Amino acid sequence: MIFEEYMLPCLSKTMFGFECLGCGLQRSFIFLINGEFWNAFKMYPAIFTLLIFGLFIIVSWKIRIKNAHKIISKLAYINLSIILINYFIKLTF
């Protein structure tokens, strides 16, 4: 991958030896850009829900959506849940 040389190293993994909650996000995004959707999901399962979350926030800034704050809150909880579950699975296996 051409972008690998520009990726930031994980500070947590470098200094303390264990992965952080965001480990894999950069590489997953690169897989997504290259059209490797399954690899993107395997690298960081929350990548697709994070994209939906980000797009919804951008759209809600431009277009008035009824109960947007409730939808954003629910999407944030979903993303946080996926990220935490993925992190604990990485720690245990």
N, C-alpha and C. Protein backbone atom coordinates (compact mmCIF):
# COMPACT_ATOMS: atom_id res chain seq x y z
N MET A 1 0.84 -1.19 0.00
CA MET A 1 0.00 0.00 0.00
C MET A 1 0.88 1.24 0.00
N ILE A 2 0.53 2.16 -0.82
CA ILE A 2 1.33 3.38 -0.97
C ILE A 2 1.23 4.29 0.27
N PHE A 3 0.13 4.25 0.99
CA PHE A 3 -0.09 5.16 2.11
C PHE A 3 0.56 4.69 3.40
N GLU A 4 1.05 3.45 3.46
CA GLU A 4 1.60 2.91 4.70
C GLU A 4 2.75 3.74 5.25
N GLU A 5 3.54 4.33 4.39
CA GLU A 5 4.68 5.11 4.86
C GLU A 5 4.25 6.42 5.52
N TYR A 6 3.00 6.83 5.33
CA TYR A 6 2.50 8.06 5.93
C TYR A 6 1.64 7.82 7.17
N MET A 7 1.45 6.57 7.56
CA MET A 7 0.61 6.28 8.71
C MET A 7 1.31 6.66 10.02
N LEU A 8 0.52 7.14 10.96
CA LEU A 8 1.05 7.48 12.27
C LEU A 8 1.16 6.22 13.12
N PRO A 9 2.24 6.07 13.86
CA PRO A 9 2.34 4.90 14.75
C PRO A 9 1.44 5.09 15.97
N CYS A 10 0.98 3.99 16.51
CA CYS A 10 0.14 4.04 17.71
C CYS A 10 1.02 4.36 18.91
N LEU A 11 0.75 5.48 19.56
CA LEU A 11 1.53 5.90 20.70
C LEU A 11 1.41 4.91 21.86
N SER A 12 0.21 4.41 22.08
CA SER A 12 -0.02 3.45 23.15
C SER A 12 0.76 2.16 22.92
N LYS A 13 0.71 1.67 21.71
CA LYS A 13 1.41 0.42 21.39
C LYS A 13 2.93 0.61 21.44
N THR A 14 3.40 1.77 20.98
CA THR A 14 4.82 2.06 20.98
C THR A 14 5.37 2.21 22.40
N MET A 15 4.66 2.95 23.23
CA MET A 15 5.17 3.26 24.57
C MET A 15 4.87 2.18 25.61
N PHE A 16 3.66 1.59 25.52
CA PHE A 16 3.23 0.68 26.57
C PHE A 16 3.11 -0.77 26.13
N GLY A 17 3.14 -1.01 24.83
CA GLY A 17 3.11 -2.37 24.33
C GLY A 17 1.74 -2.98 24.13
N PHE A 18 0.68 -2.21 24.28
CA PHE A 18 -0.66 -2.74 24.01
C PHE A 18 -1.43 -1.78 23.13
N GLU A 19 -2.38 -2.33 22.40
CA GLU A 19 -3.14 -1.54 21.44
C GLU A 19 -4.14 -0.62 22.12
N CYS A 20 -4.46 0.47 21.45
CA CYS A 20 -5.47 1.40 21.95
C CYS A 20 -6.82 1.09 21.27
N LEU A 21 -7.83 1.85 21.60
CA LEU A 21 -9.16 1.63 21.03
C LEU A 21 -9.21 1.94 19.54
N GLY A 22 -8.28 2.76 19.06
CA GLY A 22 -8.29 3.14 17.66
C GLY A 22 -7.31 2.38 16.78
N CYS A 23 -6.59 1.43 17.36
CA CYS A 23 -5.61 0.68 16.58
C CYS A 23 -6.31 -0.06 15.44
N GLY A 24 -5.81 0.14 14.24
CA GLY A 24 -6.37 -0.49 13.06
C GLY A 24 -7.24 0.44 12.23
N LEU A 25 -7.60 1.59 12.78
CA LEU A 25 -8.50 2.51 12.07
C LEU A 25 -7.86 3.07 10.80
N GLN A 26 -6.62 3.50 10.89
CA GLN A 26 -5.95 4.04 9.70
C GLN A 26 -5.84 3.00 8.60
N ARG A 27 -5.36 1.84 8.97
CA ARG A 27 -5.19 0.77 7.97
C ARG A 27 -6.54 0.35 7.39
N SER A 28 -7.56 0.31 8.24
CA SER A 28 -8.90 -0.03 7.77
C SER A 28 -9.40 1.00 6.76
N PHE A 29 -9.14 2.27 7.02
CA PHE A 29 -9.55 3.31 6.10
C PHE A 29 -8.83 3.18 4.76
N ILE A 30 -7.56 2.82 4.79
CA ILE A 30 -6.80 2.61 3.56
C ILE A 30 -7.38 1.43 2.78
N PHE A 31 -7.72 0.34 3.48
CA PHE A 31 -8.38 -0.79 2.82
C PHE A 31 -9.68 -0.34 2.17
N LEU A 32 -10.44 0.49 2.88
CA LEU A 32 -11.71 0.99 2.36
C LEU A 32 -11.52 1.82 1.10
N ILE A 33 -10.52 2.69 1.11
CA ILE A 33 -10.23 3.50 -0.07
C ILE A 33 -9.86 2.62 -1.26
N ASN A 34 -9.15 1.54 -1.00
CA ASN A 34 -8.73 0.62 -2.06
C ASN A 34 -9.82 -0.36 -2.47
N GLY A 35 -11.00 -0.27 -1.85
CA GLY A 35 -12.11 -1.13 -2.22
C GLY A 35 -12.08 -2.50 -1.59
N GLU A 36 -11.21 -2.70 -0.61
CA GLU A 36 -11.12 -3.98 0.09
C GLU A 36 -11.99 -3.92 1.34
N PHE A 37 -13.30 -4.06 1.13
CA PHE A 37 -14.27 -3.84 2.20
C PHE A 37 -14.19 -4.90 3.30
N TRP A 38 -13.98 -6.15 2.93
CA TRP A 38 -13.90 -7.21 3.93
C TRP A 38 -12.65 -7.02 4.80
N ASN A 39 -11.53 -6.70 4.18
CA ASN A 39 -10.31 -6.46 4.94
C ASN A 39 -10.45 -5.24 5.85
N ALA A 40 -11.15 -4.22 5.37
CA ALA A 40 -11.41 -3.04 6.19
C ALA A 40 -12.22 -3.42 7.43
N PHE A 41 -13.23 -4.24 7.23
CA PHE A 41 -14.06 -4.67 8.36
C PHE A 41 -13.26 -5.54 9.33
N LYS A 42 -12.45 -6.45 8.80
CA LYS A 42 -11.65 -7.31 9.67
C LYS A 42 -10.63 -6.50 10.48
N MET A 43 -10.09 -5.47 9.88
CA MET A 43 -9.08 -4.66 10.55
C MET A 43 -9.70 -3.81 11.66
N TYR A 44 -10.87 -3.23 11.40
CA TYR A 44 -11.54 -2.36 12.37
C TYR A 44 -13.04 -2.42 12.13
N PRO A 45 -13.75 -3.27 12.84
CA PRO A 45 -15.18 -3.50 12.56
C PRO A 45 -16.08 -2.27 12.62
N ALA A 46 -15.67 -1.25 13.31
CA ALA A 46 -16.54 -0.07 13.44
C ALA A 46 -16.37 0.91 12.28
N ILE A 47 -15.57 0.58 11.28
CA ILE A 47 -15.28 1.53 10.20
C ILE A 47 -16.55 1.96 9.46
N PHE A 48 -17.44 1.04 9.19
CA PHE A 48 -18.63 1.40 8.41
C PHE A 48 -19.62 2.20 9.25
N THR A 49 -19.80 1.83 10.50
CA THR A 49 -20.72 2.60 11.35
C THR A 49 -20.15 3.97 11.67
N LEU A 50 -18.83 4.08 11.75
CA LEU A 50 -18.21 5.40 11.95
C LEU A 50 -18.43 6.29 10.74
N LEU A 51 -18.35 5.71 9.55
CA LEU A 51 -18.61 6.50 8.34
C LEU A 51 -20.06 6.98 8.30
N ILE A 52 -20.98 6.10 8.64
CA ILE A 52 -22.40 6.48 8.69
C ILE A 52 -22.60 7.59 9.71
N PHE A 53 -21.98 7.44 10.87
CA PHE A 53 -22.06 8.43 11.94
C PHE A 53 -21.53 9.79 11.46
N GLY A 54 -20.35 9.79 10.86
CA GLY A 54 -19.76 11.03 10.37
C GLY A 54 -20.59 11.68 9.27
N LEU A 55 -21.07 10.88 8.34
CA LEU A 55 -21.89 11.41 7.25
C LEU A 55 -23.20 11.99 7.78
N PHE A 56 -23.79 11.31 8.77
CA PHE A 56 -25.04 11.83 9.34
C PHE A 56 -24.81 13.17 10.03
N ILE A 57 -23.70 13.31 10.74
CA ILE A 57 -23.40 14.58 11.40
C ILE A 57 -23.23 15.69 10.37
N ILE A 58 -22.50 15.41 9.30
CA ILE A 58 -22.29 16.42 8.26
C ILE A 58 -23.62 16.81 7.60
N VAL A 59 -24.44 15.80 7.28
CA VAL A 59 -25.73 16.08 6.66
C VAL A 59 -26.64 16.85 7.61
N SER A 60 -26.61 16.52 8.90
CA SER A 60 -27.48 17.21 9.85
C SER A 60 -27.05 18.66 10.07
N TRP A 61 -25.79 18.99 9.79
CA TRP A 61 -25.37 20.39 9.83
C TRP A 61 -25.95 21.16 8.66
N LYS A 62 -26.04 20.51 7.51
CA LYS A 62 -26.50 21.18 6.30
C LYS A 62 -28.02 21.19 6.16
N ILE A 63 -28.64 20.08 6.57
CA ILE A 63 -30.09 19.92 6.43
C ILE A 63 -30.69 19.75 7.82
N ARG A 64 -31.75 20.45 8.06
CA ARG A 64 -32.41 20.32 9.37
C ARG A 64 -33.17 18.99 9.42
N ILE A 65 -32.78 18.14 10.35
CA ILE A 65 -33.39 16.82 10.51
C ILE A 65 -34.05 16.77 11.89
N LYS A 66 -35.30 16.37 11.89
CA LYS A 66 -36.04 16.29 13.15
C LYS A 66 -35.40 15.22 14.04
N ASN A 67 -35.19 15.53 15.30
CA ASN A 67 -34.60 14.64 16.29
C ASN A 67 -33.20 14.17 15.92
N ALA A 68 -32.44 15.03 15.24
CA ALA A 68 -31.08 14.67 14.83
C ALA A 68 -30.20 14.37 16.04
N HIS A 69 -30.37 15.11 17.12
CA HIS A 69 -29.54 14.90 18.30
C HIS A 69 -29.77 13.52 18.91
N LYS A 70 -31.00 13.03 18.85
CA LYS A 70 -31.28 11.68 19.36
C LYS A 70 -30.66 10.61 18.48
N ILE A 71 -30.74 10.82 17.18
CA ILE A 71 -30.15 9.87 16.23
C ILE A 71 -28.63 9.86 16.38
N ILE A 72 -28.03 11.03 16.53
CA ILE A 72 -26.58 11.12 16.72
C ILE A 72 -26.17 10.42 18.00
N SER A 73 -26.94 10.60 19.06
CA SER A 73 -26.63 9.92 20.33
C SER A 73 -26.70 8.41 20.18
N LYS A 74 -27.71 7.91 19.50
CA LYS A 74 -27.84 6.47 19.32
C LYS A 74 -26.71 5.92 18.44
N LEU A 75 -26.36 6.64 17.39
CA LEU A 75 -25.25 6.20 16.55
C LEU A 75 -23.94 6.22 17.33
N ALA A 76 -23.76 7.20 18.20
CA ALA A 76 -22.55 7.26 19.03
C ALA A 76 -22.49 6.07 19.97
N TYR A 77 -23.61 5.70 20.59
CA TYR A 77 -23.64 4.52 21.48
C TYR A 77 -23.35 3.24 20.71
N ILE A 78 -23.90 3.13 19.52
CA ILE A 78 -23.64 1.94 18.69
C ILE A 78 -22.16 1.85 18.35
N ASN A 79 -21.57 2.96 17.92
CA ASN A 79 -20.15 2.97 17.57
C ASN A 79 -19.28 2.66 18.78
N LEU A 80 -19.58 3.27 19.89
CA LEU A 80 -18.80 3.02 21.10
C LEU A 80 -18.89 1.56 21.51
N SER A 81 -20.07 0.98 21.41
CA SER A 81 -20.25 -0.43 21.75
C SER A 81 -19.42 -1.33 20.84
N ILE A 82 -19.47 -1.07 19.54
CA ILE A 82 -18.69 -1.89 18.60
C ILE A 82 -17.20 -1.74 18.87
N ILE A 83 -16.75 -0.53 19.13
CA ILE A 83 -15.33 -0.29 19.39
C ILE A 83 -14.89 -1.01 20.66
N LEU A 84 -15.68 -0.91 21.72
CA LEU A 84 -15.31 -1.55 22.98
C LEU A 84 -15.34 -3.08 22.88
N ILE A 85 -16.35 -3.62 22.22
CA ILE A 85 -16.42 -5.08 22.05
C ILE A 85 -15.22 -5.56 21.25
N ASN A 86 -14.90 -4.87 20.17
CA ASN A 86 -13.75 -5.23 19.35
C ASN A 86 -12.46 -5.15 20.17
N TYR A 87 -12.31 -4.13 20.99
CA TYR A 87 -11.11 -3.96 21.81
C TYR A 87 -10.95 -5.09 22.81
N PHE A 88 -12.04 -5.45 23.47
CA PHE A 88 -11.95 -6.53 24.45
C PHE A 88 -11.69 -7.88 23.78
N ILE A 89 -12.22 -8.08 22.59
CA ILE A 89 -11.93 -9.31 21.85
C ILE A 89 -10.44 -9.35 21.48
N LYS A 90 -9.88 -8.22 21.04
CA LYS A 90 -8.45 -8.16 20.71
C LYS A 90 -7.60 -8.46 21.93
N LEU A 91 -8.01 -7.95 23.10
CA LEU A 91 -7.24 -8.16 24.32
C LEU A 91 -7.25 -9.61 24.78
N THR A 92 -8.36 -10.29 24.57
CA THR A 92 -8.48 -11.65 25.09
C THR A 92 -7.95 -12.71 24.14
N PHE A 93 -7.91 -12.44 22.85
CA PHE A 93 -7.43 -13.46 21.91
C PHE A 93 -6.09 -13.14 21.36
